[in-house]
Amino acid sequence: MPNPTDVIVVTGGHGFIGSHVAHRLHEAGHFVRVVDISPTSAFGDIKICSEFIQGNLCDGPFCEQVVRGAHTVLHFAAAMGGMGTIHAENDFDIYLENHTMTLEVLRACVTAGVKRFFYASSACVYPETLQKDENTDVSLKEGDAWSSLPPTPQGLYGLEKLHSEILLQQFGFSIQLHMARFHNVYGPRGAWSNGREKVPAAMIRKALCAKLLQAGAEDPAVIEIWGTGTQRRSFLFIDDCVDAIIRILDLGCTDVVNIGSEEAISIDDLARLAARSVGIDMASLHLQLDPNKPVGVASRNSNNDFVRSRLSWEPRFSLEEGVRQTALWIGAELESQLKGLDNERRSAYLRALQESKLVHMKAERETFAILLPITSRGSNAPEDCLENLAEFAQSLERTTWRDTRALGGKRFEVKIYLAIDADDHYLRDKNRAEEV
């Protein structure tokens, strides 16, 4: 672990895992510099760092600024989430944004002489071909990422993580590298309602809403499940995850390690566990399956043999205890959202939260509309008008290029509308306004 006076940079330090790590290090007396595009932390008003810098890590010069003087960089920043986010529609956006961030942060670190670099990888690097049998708890070892060539990780999210591992290893001679493959980390202060939540948070949220919507104990408590519910996963509580990261840094472990739980469960049993944790009568529970939503691999579980021998680390929290603590936190968050709502709006809000969202990254843009009125009044010829429109379009393209194509953060798009009277033949039939 660095000396307390050494600067530790935590990218994505306002996100889930990053904020918990930053808070733990700050509480231990380290100088922590959090870097995030979001101005607010998952910890709210609780102080988690010595310094905060807001900005876009896809921007190379910004990366150079934030790692200046740093001894250690912990790189958690990423576009990520559960299956509501890392589905096929978002593949290219996720790959481009995440790889650009890692490349720019790494380049800045090497240039600045940063001594240590921690990379948050993912269990999604493992081949989908090993995870097709939902009747078997697949025990994934670190070397399994290369069990088939070429590798077949889960989507471009997993491929990007694997590519970044390879990229980082090219610089092992100049910077001490630490890499951990996280397996479904969950817990308090994580996303729970915006489409980027992991499945434990989603199940707990749906269970809480079902409980609050029940008029009587005999009324059905409905919990939505994507897929058949037979897919299997293991889940790691956030405190155990942070313990493992601190252990990696303390021991200076430079091997790629799994950070996960070996306690696998089916998704339908996870839904039942969530229901029990919020006090739903199991006789009233109804699991509503949606086979048309993305579900990921059939079965995934962490093999902890290597990390156990290398770090002497084991998860401390059972799944039941982790779900219980997470349910208490999400329950409090939900109650704060419900304050001030009348019965009708309260019920509508709870019903909306019973369904998980699909995140469409291409649609997450702020649109500016430009209205151009055109008329035959005046002396300009139609050809002049068309030429002026072309010049305007080219100018708009040049001046908005960065805003409409920038990676990371808020994205923008421009739509142009031409307005002309339906009976105005100024642009003639072949150049009608709706076709220009």
Foldseek 3Di string as FASTA:
>chain_A
DDDQAAEEEEEVCQADLNVVLLQVSVVVRHAYEYEYQDPAHLVGPDDRHNHYDHDQLLDLVVLLVRCARHQEYEYDDAQAFALLEQPQLCQVQRLVQGLSSLVSNVVSCLVRQHAEYEYEAAPQLAALVQFADLVDARADFPVRSPVDPPGHGFGNNNVSSVVSVVVVVVCCVRYQYHYEHEFAEDFRSHDQFDSRYHLLSLLLLLLLLLVVPDPDLQAAREAEDEADQSAKGFYAYSVLVSVLVVLCVVVSDRDYAYRTAQDMDGRVVSSVLSNVLNPRDVVRYDYHYDHVGDDTGRHYGYNHPVVCVPRVGHGDDDPSRRSNNRSVNVVVVLVVVQPPDDPVVSNVVSVVSSDRHRDNPVPQAAEDEAEAEDALPDDDALVVVVVVVVVVVVVCCVVCVCQQDPRDDHHYDYHYAYDYDPPGCRNHPVPPRVVD
